[in-house]
Each structure stands twice: as structure tokens, then as C-alpha cells.
Amino acid sequence: MFLCPLRRPLRFTSTSTKNTSTLLRAQLDLNDIVQSPQEYKQSISRRRLPESLIENVDFIVDMRHAQSANYSKLNALKRQRTELAEQLQKKAPNFALVKSQLQDLKPLIKSLEKEVKEVQEEIYSKAEALPNLLDPTVPESETEEELVRYVNTSSHEVDKFTTGPDLRRDHKTIGEGFGLFDFATASRVSGPSWYYLLGDGALLEQALVQYALAKARQHGYKMVVPPSIVKSEIVHACGFKPNDQSNEKQIYQIEDEPRSLTGTAEIPLGALHSSTIFPSGTKFPIKYAGVSRSYRAEAGASGKDTKGLYRVHEFTKVELFHFTTLDKAKNELEGIKDFQLQIIEELGLKARLLNMPTSDLGSPAMKKYDIEAWMPGRGSWGEVTSCSNCGDYQSRRLGIRFNGEDSKVEHVATLNGTCMAVPRVIVALIEQNYDVERDAIRIPKVLQPFMGGRYIIARHE
């Protein structure tokens, strides 16, 4: 597929055009904010974000109108400057007066240009901080009525899922007893929330990755192995912040370098076509499956979920990413969700699918589905996949567009989804498939070809 690199600065909706060698400045649609301020305010309120962001919307609306007056005034002064300069060239009889008037205009124009630029920068900064608009089908809160469906689960089993943790099925205890994990050595070598996968534990990870990639290829995804370190401006453009709303560190940034470790392959996959225009006739969606190591600095923050594999600093993940058009994005989100459900069903995991509420969506996402597997050892549900429709939020910040009908250049839509988050799936597989009486772990049928044809993992004496 041929892509057209952008070889010249774009005309942004914002007039501020500070580009870098990596990215063009985000092409924010300020006119849309001015024309639909209530939609943006509603999105902020429904997400339960700080009121200061609503103030951002008001500021943008008010100052865009004020800027219009400033531009008119500035243009009038520049026209006057041009007229006076022409009179000087023609040796006007009142040469000294014209020259004096021209000199008086220079500081006025310079001052007004500075004011316009500073206000525009502030407008741009406040607009860049706004979250995406929400899909109207996103619920306000996570309630039973908003569960989309249960997977591989009977109504009788759902009732049992509130009885608390089953310590006999704790994956950490089982895995250490079977020689699958070593947390103690990893803690000494690397620190808390790190781990070794050993023997069949390491083989199980590779089986999950190979199974996931095979499924993705069957569904038309092109495989990618992306870099695990990217420039911090790419991380920011994809909507990931160094700290979360509780000011806890999320991203590992490399000291004294403007680079970060990626928390998900979504980031380098999104940047794969940054600063490009897809040519006319491009067939969307363009779908990638990226396998990589992922790094999360917030793992175990505030002492939460620090036991075992559920929340760790480094893990293997297969990520799905789509480049498509805005009119196709909603249906594609449903397609990603259905693909994820197929994987969960084939693995035989008891799980539930959630249409995630407004307060659980990051700034880029318009709508998000999560699949949570039942984890008996924790006595609770645990997220194993998510998928999001990000509309044009990321593409405007990454400079990704396409030539549409009548040669109109438009921004693409981006979507992302988990194909396989390995450690959490291992948690669910072990805790759901541990046979207490036989003291063995059942291997799902779809993984058996990648596990040497075996159907159980037995304890090694």
C-alpha cells in the first residue's frame, strides 16, 4: 500500500503551527467546539471530569469571538500600513507626516500580533486538553442492567460469583506450586510486581500469543512487531498522560530523554501512519495486530492488586488497531468486540461483557467495551480485554488523513482492542481450570496444539 507523506505544513483549524520533526501540530477542530459547546460540556460532565474543563469550553467560545475582532483590527492596521508605504514610494507631498504615521503603526501592529498569538496559544492549549465527545449509547454507571451479556456462564453460576475468594484456586499459590512462576526471585532482582515465567508457565504465554496471532490473521489483521520505546510526544498524541487523575505515575519515561516505554502496542501502532495521507481508493479498514512487551508504571499503585500476575509492571500483549473512516467506526467497534468474545468463548473462560460507563473512559475514547473474566482466587471479576472507538481524536493529533470523495481530505478514525493480555488470561485460565481433586490444570483445546498436544499441566515433583 502506498502512502503519501505530508511534505508541507497543513492549514490547521487552529492558526498556531508549531510542528516538530516527528509530528505536525494537532489539527484541532476549534470551529466544532464553538458551534457545539454544549456537546463538549456534556461530555465533560458525563465523564465526571473537573469543572475547569467546562471553563475551557467557555474560554474557547468567548475568545474565538474576541479573536475575530482582533483579526479584523489587525488586518485594518496592516492595510493602513500598506497604503502609507505606497504613499512613501510615490514621494507623497506630506512625506514626513506619512513616514511618522507609518512609524506609529509599527508598535501597534507588533503589540496586537503578540496579543493575538498569545490568545491563540491559550485557546489551543485549552482545546487540546478537552476529552473526546461521547457516543450517546455509553451508560452513566456500571449496573447489572448495563451488562451486555455473560459468556460461558449459567445464571446459577452467576449467583455463585458473589461468594468471595476461593483460596484453593489462587493462581499465585497454584502456579508457584507447579513451578510456573517465581515472584520471590523477581522481586529481589527487579522489585515488586515483577515475575519470572518458568517451564510450562513460559510455554503457556507463548501458546496464548501464537493462538491470538493465528486468530487475528484469520480475521484479516496484518502482524506487526512494533518498538517498545517511542518519543514522549507520540505517547501524548495518543492520549496517554504521564500521571493519572490521582497523580500516580502511569508511564515509564526515560531519564534525560524525551522517550517513554510503551504501556501498550496501541501507541506505536497508532503512530505507524503518523503524518501521512492515505491516497484516494484506499480500502478501509486497515487492521494491524501488534505483539509486544508492555510497561505500566502504575502497577500495584496504592497497594491494589499487588499479589500475583493480575497487575504487573511488564507483560506480553497482542493488540489490535484499526485505521478506518468515521462512518465505519461504530460498526467496527462491534466487530472487534465480537472477535474478542469469540476468543474468550474458545478459551472456555467464564466472563462478562460490559459497555463501560462514562467515568471509565479515557480522553480519546468515545465508547469502550470491557470483557471481565471470573477469577475465583480473587473472588471478583478481572478485566482481560477492552476495545475502544477513538473517532478522530488520535488522528488529529498524529496527523493521519485520507483523500475522500471529491478529493476532500479528512481525518481517519482509529480503534484499538486487546487481542490477548497474557498475564491476566493466565490468571483466569489457571483459576478457572484448576482441578482440585486431580491437582492438575486443564489446558483449553485451542491451546493444546501449542502446548505439545497435552491437555493438562501437571505438578512437577
Protein backbone atom coordinates (compact mmCIF):
# COMPACT_ATOMS: atom_id res chain seq x y z
CA MET A 1 0.00 0.00 0.00
CA PHE A 2 1.37 3.39 -1.00
CA LEU A 3 1.13 6.26 1.47
CA CYS A 4 1.64 9.94 0.78
CA PRO A 5 3.92 11.58 3.35
CA LEU A 6 2.96 15.11 4.28
CA ARG A 7 5.70 17.28 2.82
CA ARG A 8 4.34 20.69 3.78
CA PRO A 9 2.65 22.26 6.80
CA LEU A 10 -1.11 21.83 6.88
CA ARG A 11 -3.64 24.61 7.24
CA PHE A 12 -4.82 23.93 10.74
CA THR A 13 -8.22 24.87 12.10
CA SER A 14 -6.01 26.45 14.77
CA THR A 15 -3.74 29.12 13.31
CA SER A 16 -0.87 28.08 15.56
CA THR A 17 1.52 25.92 13.52
CA LYS A 18 4.42 24.70 15.64
CA ASN A 19 5.44 21.41 14.08
CA THR A 20 8.24 19.09 15.16
CA SER A 21 10.47 16.79 13.18
CA THR A 22 8.19 13.93 14.25
CA LEU A 23 4.65 15.31 14.19
CA LEU A 24 2.63 18.14 12.78
CA ARG A 25 0.83 20.07 15.44
CA ALA A 26 -2.54 18.61 16.39
CA GLN A 27 -5.18 19.63 13.87
CA LEU A 28 -7.88 20.53 16.39
CA ASP A 29 -11.35 21.45 15.17
CA LEU A 30 -11.89 24.68 17.11
CA ASN A 31 -14.87 25.62 14.97
CA ASP A 32 -16.69 22.49 16.11
CA ILE A 33 -16.16 23.46 19.76
CA VAL A 34 -17.51 26.97 19.09
CA GLN A 35 -20.51 25.63 17.19
CA SER A 36 -21.35 22.81 19.64
CA PRO A 37 -20.18 23.92 23.11
CA GLN A 38 -22.99 22.14 24.95
CA GLU A 39 -21.97 18.77 23.49
CA TYR A 40 -18.42 19.23 24.78
CA LYS A 41 -19.67 20.38 28.19
CA GLN A 42 -21.98 17.40 28.39
CA SER A 43 -19.12 15.04 27.54
CA ILE A 44 -17.00 16.55 30.32
CA SER A 45 -19.84 16.38 32.87
CA ARG A 46 -20.79 12.82 31.97
CA ARG A 47 -17.17 11.73 32.32
CA ARG A 48 -17.12 13.36 35.80
CA LEU A 49 -14.07 15.39 34.91
CA PRO A 50 -13.02 18.65 36.63
CA GLU A 51 -15.19 21.73 36.12
CA SER A 52 -12.11 23.57 34.86
CA LEU A 53 -12.52 21.74 31.54
CA ILE A 54 -16.01 23.21 31.15
CA GLU A 55 -14.42 26.59 31.77
CA ASN A 56 -12.03 25.73 28.94
CA VAL A 57 -15.00 25.42 26.58
CA ASP A 58 -16.40 28.79 27.66
CA PHE A 59 -12.99 30.38 27.24
CA ILE A 60 -12.60 28.98 23.73
CA VAL A 61 -16.05 30.19 22.65
CA ASP A 62 -15.60 33.68 24.13
CA MET A 63 -12.04 34.19 22.93
CA ARG A 64 -12.68 32.90 19.42
CA HIS A 65 -15.25 35.68 19.03
CA ALA A 66 -12.81 38.17 20.56
CA GLN A 67 -10.08 36.91 18.24
CA SER A 68 -12.31 37.58 15.25
CA ALA A 69 -12.50 41.24 16.30
CA ASN A 70 -8.72 41.29 16.88
CA TYR A 71 -8.05 39.84 13.43
CA SER A 72 -10.30 42.48 11.85
CA LYS A 73 -8.47 45.21 13.71
CA LEU A 74 -5.08 43.74 12.84
CA ASN A 75 -5.98 43.42 9.17
CA ALA A 76 -7.20 47.02 9.11
CA LEU A 77 -3.91 48.22 10.60
CA LYS A 78 -1.93 46.18 8.05
CA ARG A 79 -3.96 47.62 5.18
CA GLN A 80 -3.29 51.09 6.54
CA ARG A 81 0.42 50.25 6.74
CA THR A 82 0.39 49.10 3.11
CA GLU A 83 -1.36 52.30 1.96
CA LEU A 84 1.12 54.51 3.83
CA ALA A 85 4.07 52.53 2.44
CA GLU A 86 2.74 53.03 -1.08
CA GLN A 87 2.44 56.76 -0.48
CA LEU A 88 6.08 56.88 0.62
CA GLN A 89 7.14 55.06 -2.53
CA LYS A 90 5.24 57.62 -4.60
CA LYS A 91 7.04 60.50 -2.80
CA ALA A 92 3.84 61.94 -1.32
CA PRO A 93 3.95 65.71 -0.72
CA ASN A 94 3.35 65.14 3.01
CA PHE A 95 6.24 62.67 3.11
CA ALA A 96 7.32 63.46 6.70
CA LEU A 97 3.79 63.09 8.08
CA VAL A 98 3.23 59.79 6.25
CA LYS A 99 6.57 58.47 7.49
CA SER A 100 5.66 59.46 11.05
CA GLN A 101 2.28 57.75 10.80
CA LEU A 102 3.95 54.61 9.46
CA GLN A 103 6.40 54.59 12.38
CA ASP A 104 3.50 54.94 14.83
CA LEU A 105 1.77 51.93 13.29
CA LYS A 106 4.67 49.50 13.77
CA PRO A 107 4.42 49.12 17.59
CA LEU A 108 0.62 48.91 17.39
CA ILE A 109 0.77 46.08 14.88
CA LYS A 110 3.55 44.30 16.77
CA SER A 111 1.66 44.54 20.06
CA LEU A 112 -1.59 43.31 18.55
CA GLU A 113 0.16 40.44 16.75
CA LYS A 114 1.71 39.36 20.04
CA GLU A 115 -1.67 39.50 21.78
CA VAL A 116 -3.35 37.50 19.01
CA LYS A 117 -0.64 34.86 19.12
CA GLU A 118 -0.73 34.52 22.92
CA VAL A 119 -4.51 34.22 22.98
CA GLN A 120 -4.43 31.70 20.16
CA GLU A 121 -1.86 29.62 22.03
CA GLU A 122 -4.08 29.63 25.12
CA ILE A 123 -7.15 28.69 23.07
CA TYR A 124 -5.19 25.87 21.50
CA SER A 125 -3.85 24.62 24.84
CA LYS A 126 -7.32 24.56 26.42
CA ALA A 127 -8.80 22.81 23.37
CA GLU A 128 -6.07 20.18 23.36
CA ALA A 129 -6.94 19.29 26.97
CA LEU A 130 -10.60 18.53 26.17
CA PRO A 131 -11.72 14.88 26.01
CA ASN A 132 -13.41 13.34 23.01
CA LEU A 133 -17.17 13.57 22.61
CA LEU A 134 -19.07 10.55 23.92
CA ASP A 135 -21.13 8.06 21.98
CA PRO A 136 -24.75 8.54 23.18
CA THR A 137 -25.01 4.80 23.98
CA VAL A 138 -22.36 5.00 26.73
CA PRO A 139 -24.07 4.42 30.13
CA GLU A 140 -23.69 6.69 33.14
CA SER A 141 -22.82 3.97 35.64
CA GLU A 142 -21.88 0.30 35.83
CA THR A 143 -25.04 -1.53 36.86
CA GLU A 144 -26.39 -5.02 36.31
CA GLU A 145 -28.82 -3.68 33.72
CA GLU A 146 -25.93 -2.36 31.66
CA LEU A 147 -24.12 -5.69 31.44
CA VAL A 148 -24.29 -6.68 27.82
CA ARG A 149 -24.00 -10.43 28.35
CA TYR A 150 -22.36 -13.26 30.24
CA VAL A 151 -20.05 -15.68 28.41
CA ASN A 152 -19.76 -19.45 29.06
CA THR A 153 -21.74 -18.84 32.23
CA SER A 154 -25.11 -20.08 33.50
CA SER A 155 -27.44 -17.99 35.66
CA HIS A 156 -26.77 -20.41 38.56
CA GLU A 157 -23.01 -19.80 38.28
CA VAL A 158 -23.53 -16.03 38.22
CA ASP A 159 -25.23 -16.30 41.62
CA LYS A 160 -22.16 -18.14 43.00
CA PHE A 161 -19.80 -15.40 41.83
CA THR A 162 -20.62 -13.27 44.89
CA THR A 163 -19.46 -15.80 47.48
CA GLY A 164 -15.92 -14.41 47.85
CA PRO A 165 -12.45 -15.74 47.00
CA ASP A 166 -11.69 -19.45 46.73
CA LEU A 167 -8.18 -19.68 48.15
CA ARG A 168 -7.75 -23.18 46.73
CA ARG A 169 -7.84 -21.61 43.26
CA ASP A 170 -5.47 -18.71 43.83
CA HIS A 171 -3.27 -18.62 40.71
CA LYS A 172 -0.16 -17.48 42.58
CA THR A 173 -0.27 -20.36 45.04
CA ILE A 174 -1.08 -22.89 42.31
CA GLY A 175 1.47 -21.53 39.85
CA GLU A 176 4.30 -21.43 42.36
CA GLY A 177 3.44 -24.97 43.47
CA PHE A 178 3.56 -26.14 39.85
CA GLY A 179 6.83 -24.32 39.18
CA LEU A 180 5.19 -21.94 36.67
CA PHE A 181 6.15 -18.64 38.38
CA ASP A 182 8.89 -17.23 40.56
CA PHE A 183 7.85 -13.97 42.21
CA ALA A 184 10.34 -14.04 45.08
CA THR A 185 13.44 -14.06 42.87
CA ALA A 186 11.95 -11.46 40.53
CA SER A 187 11.20 -9.19 43.49
CA ARG A 188 14.81 -9.48 44.62
CA VAL A 189 16.16 -8.92 41.10
CA SER A 190 13.72 -6.26 39.81
CA GLY A 191 11.39 -5.26 42.66
CA PRO A 192 7.70 -5.79 43.49
CA SER A 193 5.20 -6.60 40.70
CA TRP A 194 7.79 -8.35 38.52
CA TYR A 195 7.93 -12.07 37.84
CA TYR A 196 9.62 -14.99 36.13
CA LEU A 197 7.55 -17.36 33.99
CA LEU A 198 9.14 -20.81 34.12
CA GLY A 199 8.67 -24.07 32.22
CA ASP A 200 5.02 -24.59 31.34
CA GLY A 201 4.30 -21.04 32.54
CA ALA A 202 6.57 -19.64 29.81
CA LEU A 203 5.15 -22.14 27.31
CA LEU A 204 1.60 -21.08 28.21
CA GLU A 205 2.46 -17.46 27.43
CA GLN A 206 3.80 -18.38 24.01
CA ALA A 207 0.78 -20.62 23.35
CA LEU A 208 -1.59 -17.72 24.08
CA VAL A 209 0.40 -15.38 21.81
CA GLN A 210 0.54 -17.85 18.93
CA TYR A 211 -3.15 -18.71 19.25
CA ALA A 212 -4.09 -14.99 19.33
CA LEU A 213 -1.95 -14.15 16.30
CA ALA A 214 -3.38 -17.07 14.35
CA LYS A 215 -6.91 -15.87 15.11
CA ALA A 216 -6.02 -12.29 14.15
CA ARG A 217 -4.55 -13.38 10.81
CA GLN A 218 -7.73 -15.33 10.09
CA HIS A 219 -9.69 -12.11 10.65
CA GLY A 220 -7.61 -10.07 8.22
CA TYR A 221 -5.10 -8.46 10.57
CA LYS A 222 -1.54 -7.80 9.44
CA MET A 223 1.03 -8.76 12.05
CA VAL A 224 3.41 -6.10 13.39
CA VAL A 225 6.21 -6.20 15.96
CA PRO A 226 6.45 -2.52 16.98
CA PRO A 227 9.11 -0.74 19.05
CA SER A 228 8.62 -0.67 22.82
CA ILE A 229 10.19 2.79 23.19
CA VAL A 230 8.65 5.82 21.48
CA LYS A 231 9.03 9.56 21.69
CA SER A 232 7.04 11.12 24.51
CA GLU A 233 5.20 13.41 22.09
CA ILE A 234 3.79 10.30 20.41
CA VAL A 235 2.58 9.00 23.77
CA HIS A 236 0.90 12.34 24.43
CA ALA A 237 -0.66 12.49 20.97
CA CYS A 238 -2.28 9.08 21.53
CA GLY A 239 -3.93 10.46 24.67
CA PHE A 240 -1.79 8.84 27.35
CA LYS A 241 -0.73 11.03 30.27
CA PRO A 242 2.37 10.59 32.47
CA ASN A 243 0.17 10.63 35.60
CA ASP A 244 -3.42 9.55 36.15
CA GLN A 245 -6.19 11.58 37.83
CA SER A 246 -4.85 10.51 41.25
CA ASN A 247 -1.44 11.84 40.18
CA GLU A 248 0.00 8.33 40.25
CA LYS A 249 2.72 7.64 37.69
CA GLN A 250 1.47 5.63 34.71
CA ILE A 251 4.26 5.75 32.15
CA TYR A 252 7.95 4.93 32.43
CA GLN A 253 9.80 7.91 30.98
CA ILE A 254 13.49 7.54 30.16
CA GLU A 255 15.61 9.84 32.26
CA ASP A 256 17.11 12.81 30.40
CA GLU A 257 15.49 11.68 27.13
CA PRO A 258 12.15 12.66 25.54
CA ARG A 259 11.21 8.99 25.21
CA SER A 260 8.96 6.57 27.07
CA LEU A 261 8.35 2.86 27.37
CA THR A 262 5.01 1.96 25.82
CA GLY A 263 2.19 0.75 28.06
CA THR A 264 0.51 -0.87 25.06
CA ALA A 265 1.28 -1.50 21.39
CA GLU A 266 -1.64 0.83 20.66
CA ILE A 267 0.82 3.73 20.86
CA PRO A 268 3.41 2.68 18.22
CA LEU A 269 0.66 1.13 16.08
CA GLY A 270 -1.24 4.42 16.08
CA ALA A 271 1.97 6.22 15.14
CA LEU A 272 2.72 3.81 12.29
CA HIS A 273 0.94 6.12 9.82
CA SER A 274 1.51 9.40 11.64
CA SER A 275 1.95 12.49 9.44
CA THR A 276 0.62 10.73 6.35
CA ILE A 277 -2.31 10.97 3.95
CA PHE A 278 -3.89 7.76 2.65
CA PRO A 279 -4.44 8.14 -1.10
CA SER A 280 -7.77 8.02 -2.88
CA GLY A 281 -9.06 4.48 -3.28
CA THR A 282 -7.56 3.20 -0.02
CA LYS A 283 -9.67 0.33 1.27
CA PHE A 284 -10.61 0.76 4.92
CA PRO A 285 -10.34 -0.63 7.48
CA ILE A 286 -6.59 -1.18 7.65
CA LYS A 287 -6.09 -3.62 10.52
CA TYR A 288 -2.94 -4.47 12.48
CA ALA A 289 -2.19 -6.95 15.24
CA GLY A 290 0.88 -5.91 17.21
CA VAL A 291 2.68 -8.19 19.65
CA SER A 292 4.98 -6.51 22.14
CA ARG A 293 6.12 -6.16 25.70
CA SER A 294 4.13 -3.53 27.59
CA TYR A 295 5.21 -1.48 30.59
CA ARG A 296 2.96 0.04 33.26
CA ALA A 297 4.49 2.16 35.98
CA GLU A 298 1.23 2.31 37.92
CA ALA A 299 1.10 -1.43 38.52
CA GLY A 300 0.25 -2.10 42.14
CA ALA A 301 -0.38 1.58 42.84
CA SER A 302 -1.63 2.25 46.36
CA GLY A 303 -1.18 -1.42 47.24
CA LYS A 304 -4.04 -2.56 44.98
CA ASP A 305 -3.87 -5.99 43.28
CA THR A 306 -0.16 -6.40 44.03
CA LYS A 307 -0.41 -10.16 44.50
CA GLY A 308 0.46 -12.38 41.57
CA LEU A 309 0.08 -11.68 37.85
CA TYR A 310 -3.02 -9.52 37.75
CA ARG A 311 -1.29 -6.14 37.94
CA VAL A 312 2.38 -6.17 36.92
CA HIS A 313 4.91 -3.72 35.51
CA GLU A 314 5.84 -5.67 32.36
CA PHE A 315 3.86 -8.14 30.29
CA THR A 316 3.32 -9.51 26.80
CA LYS A 317 0.26 -8.33 24.94
CA VAL A 318 -1.24 -8.73 21.48
CA GLU A 319 -3.04 -5.52 20.49
CA LEU A 320 -5.50 -4.84 17.66
CA PHE A 321 -5.56 -1.49 15.87
CA HIS A 322 -7.79 -0.14 13.09
CA PHE A 323 -7.46 2.84 10.75
CA THR A 324 -10.84 3.49 9.17
CA THR A 325 -13.40 6.18 8.32
CA LEU A 326 -15.67 7.88 10.83
CA ASP A 327 -18.82 6.44 9.27
CA LYS A 328 -17.49 2.87 9.65
CA ALA A 329 -16.04 3.19 13.16
CA LYS A 330 -19.16 2.33 15.19
CA ASN A 331 -19.74 -0.95 13.37
CA GLU A 332 -16.07 -1.84 13.57
CA LEU A 333 -16.11 -1.45 17.34
CA GLU A 334 -18.87 -4.03 17.44
CA GLY A 335 -16.75 -6.26 15.19
CA ILE A 336 -13.73 -6.03 17.48
CA LYS A 337 -15.93 -6.80 20.48
CA ASP A 338 -17.40 -9.86 18.74
CA PHE A 339 -13.90 -11.06 17.82
CA GLN A 340 -12.80 -10.73 21.45
CA LEU A 341 -15.87 -12.65 22.61
CA GLN A 342 -15.01 -15.43 20.17
CA ILE A 343 -11.54 -15.76 21.71
CA ILE A 344 -12.96 -15.82 25.26
CA GLU A 345 -15.54 -18.43 24.23
CA GLU A 346 -12.90 -20.63 22.57
CA LEU A 347 -10.70 -20.43 25.66
CA GLY A 348 -13.74 -21.56 27.66
CA LEU A 349 -13.47 -18.68 30.12
CA LYS A 350 -16.44 -17.69 32.22
CA ALA A 351 -16.70 -13.96 31.67
CA ARG A 352 -18.97 -10.96 31.27
CA LEU A 353 -19.05 -8.17 28.72
CA LEU A 354 -19.56 -4.57 29.86
CA ASN A 355 -20.49 -1.42 27.97
CA MET A 356 -18.19 0.73 30.08
CA PRO A 357 -19.65 3.77 31.85
CA THR A 358 -18.66 7.36 31.16
CA SER A 359 -16.35 7.63 34.19
CA ASP A 360 -14.23 4.68 32.97
CA LEU A 361 -13.35 6.11 29.56
CA GLY A 362 -10.03 7.78 28.86
CA SER A 363 -9.95 11.09 26.99
CA PRO A 364 -9.57 9.56 23.48
CA ALA A 365 -12.42 7.04 23.77
CA MET A 366 -15.96 7.72 22.57
CA LYS A 367 -17.13 4.26 23.66
CA LYS A 368 -15.46 1.25 25.22
CA TYR A 369 -16.31 -2.39 25.90
CA ASP A 370 -14.51 -4.46 28.54
CA ILE A 371 -14.58 -8.21 28.97
CA GLU A 372 -14.00 -9.34 32.53
CA ALA A 373 -13.23 -12.97 33.39
CA TRP A 374 -14.24 -14.51 36.66
CA MET A 375 -11.17 -15.05 38.85
CA PRO A 376 -12.08 -17.36 41.74
CA GLY A 377 -8.84 -16.79 43.63
CA ARG A 378 -9.60 -13.06 43.78
CA GLY A 379 -13.30 -13.60 44.34
CA SER A 380 -14.07 -10.98 41.71
CA TRP A 381 -14.17 -10.19 38.04
CA GLY A 382 -10.97 -9.05 36.35
CA GLU A 383 -10.54 -7.21 33.05
CA VAL A 384 -8.93 -9.31 30.32
CA THR A 385 -9.81 -7.29 27.20
CA SER A 386 -11.04 -3.85 26.23
CA CYS A 387 -11.82 -2.17 22.91
CA SER A 388 -12.42 1.50 22.14
CA ASN A 389 -13.62 3.73 19.34
CA CYS A 390 -11.47 6.87 19.46
CA GLY A 391 -13.05 8.63 16.47
CA ASP A 392 -10.65 11.23 15.07
CA TYR A 393 -9.17 12.20 18.47
CA GLN A 394 -5.85 10.43 17.86
CA SER A 395 -5.67 11.03 14.11
CA ARG A 396 -5.95 14.82 14.60
CA ARG A 397 -3.02 14.67 17.00
CA LEU A 398 -0.99 12.23 14.89
CA GLY A 399 -1.74 13.94 11.56
CA ILE A 400 -3.37 10.93 9.84
CA ARG A 401 -5.76 11.75 6.99
CA PHE A 402 -7.12 10.33 3.74
CA ASN A 403 -8.30 11.63 0.39
CA GLY A 404 -12.04 11.10 0.41
CA GLU A 405 -14.77 11.87 -2.10
CA ASP A 406 -14.22 14.89 -4.37
CA SER A 407 -10.57 14.93 -3.18
CA LYS A 408 -11.70 16.20 0.22
CA VAL A 409 -9.02 15.49 2.83
CA GLU A 410 -10.48 14.07 6.04
CA HIS A 411 -9.12 12.61 9.26
CA VAL A 412 -9.32 8.87 9.78
CA ALA A 413 -10.93 7.19 12.77
CA THR A 414 -8.87 4.90 15.00
CA LEU A 415 -9.95 1.95 17.10
CA ASN A 416 -7.99 -0.30 19.40
CA GLY A 417 -8.65 -3.54 21.22
CA THR A 418 -6.95 -6.23 23.25
CA CYS A 419 -6.40 -9.47 21.41
CA MET A 420 -4.51 -11.11 24.28
CA ALA A 421 -3.33 -9.60 27.58
CA VAL A 422 -1.26 -12.62 28.54
CA PRO A 423 -0.78 -12.44 32.35
CA ARG A 424 -4.44 -11.75 33.14
CA VAL A 425 -5.63 -14.51 30.84
CA ILE A 426 -3.18 -16.85 32.57
CA VAL A 427 -4.74 -15.83 35.90
CA ALA A 428 -8.23 -16.67 34.64
CA LEU A 429 -7.16 -19.89 32.93
CA ILE A 430 -5.39 -21.28 36.00
CA GLU A 431 -8.04 -20.26 38.50
CA GLN A 432 -10.96 -21.50 36.39
CA ASN A 433 -9.27 -24.67 35.08
CA TYR A 434 -7.52 -25.95 38.20
CA ASP A 435 -8.89 -29.38 39.09
CA VAL A 436 -8.60 -29.60 42.87
CA GLU A 437 -9.24 -33.36 43.03
CA ARG A 438 -6.73 -34.28 40.30
CA ASP A 439 -4.31 -31.50 41.27
CA ALA A 440 -3.87 -30.52 37.60
CA ILE A 441 -4.60 -27.55 35.34
CA ARG A 442 -6.75 -28.25 32.29
CA ILE A 443 -5.44 -26.79 29.02
CA PRO A 444 -8.15 -25.36 26.71
CA LYS A 445 -8.49 -27.35 23.48
CA VAL A 446 -7.47 -24.42 21.27
CA LEU A 447 -4.15 -24.09 23.14
CA GLN A 448 -3.24 -27.78 23.14
CA PRO A 449 -1.51 -27.70 19.71
CA PHE A 450 0.82 -25.01 21.09
CA MET A 451 1.43 -26.97 24.32
CA GLY A 452 2.88 -30.10 22.76
CA GLY A 453 -0.55 -31.72 22.38
CA ARG A 454 -1.03 -32.02 26.15
CA TYR A 455 -4.43 -31.46 27.74
CA ILE A 456 -3.26 -30.82 31.32
CA ILE A 457 -0.41 -29.16 33.19
CA ALA A 458 0.67 -31.50 35.98
CA ARG A 459 2.61 -30.76 39.13
CA HIS A 460 6.33 -31.49 38.84
CA GLU A 461 7.81 -33.12 41.91
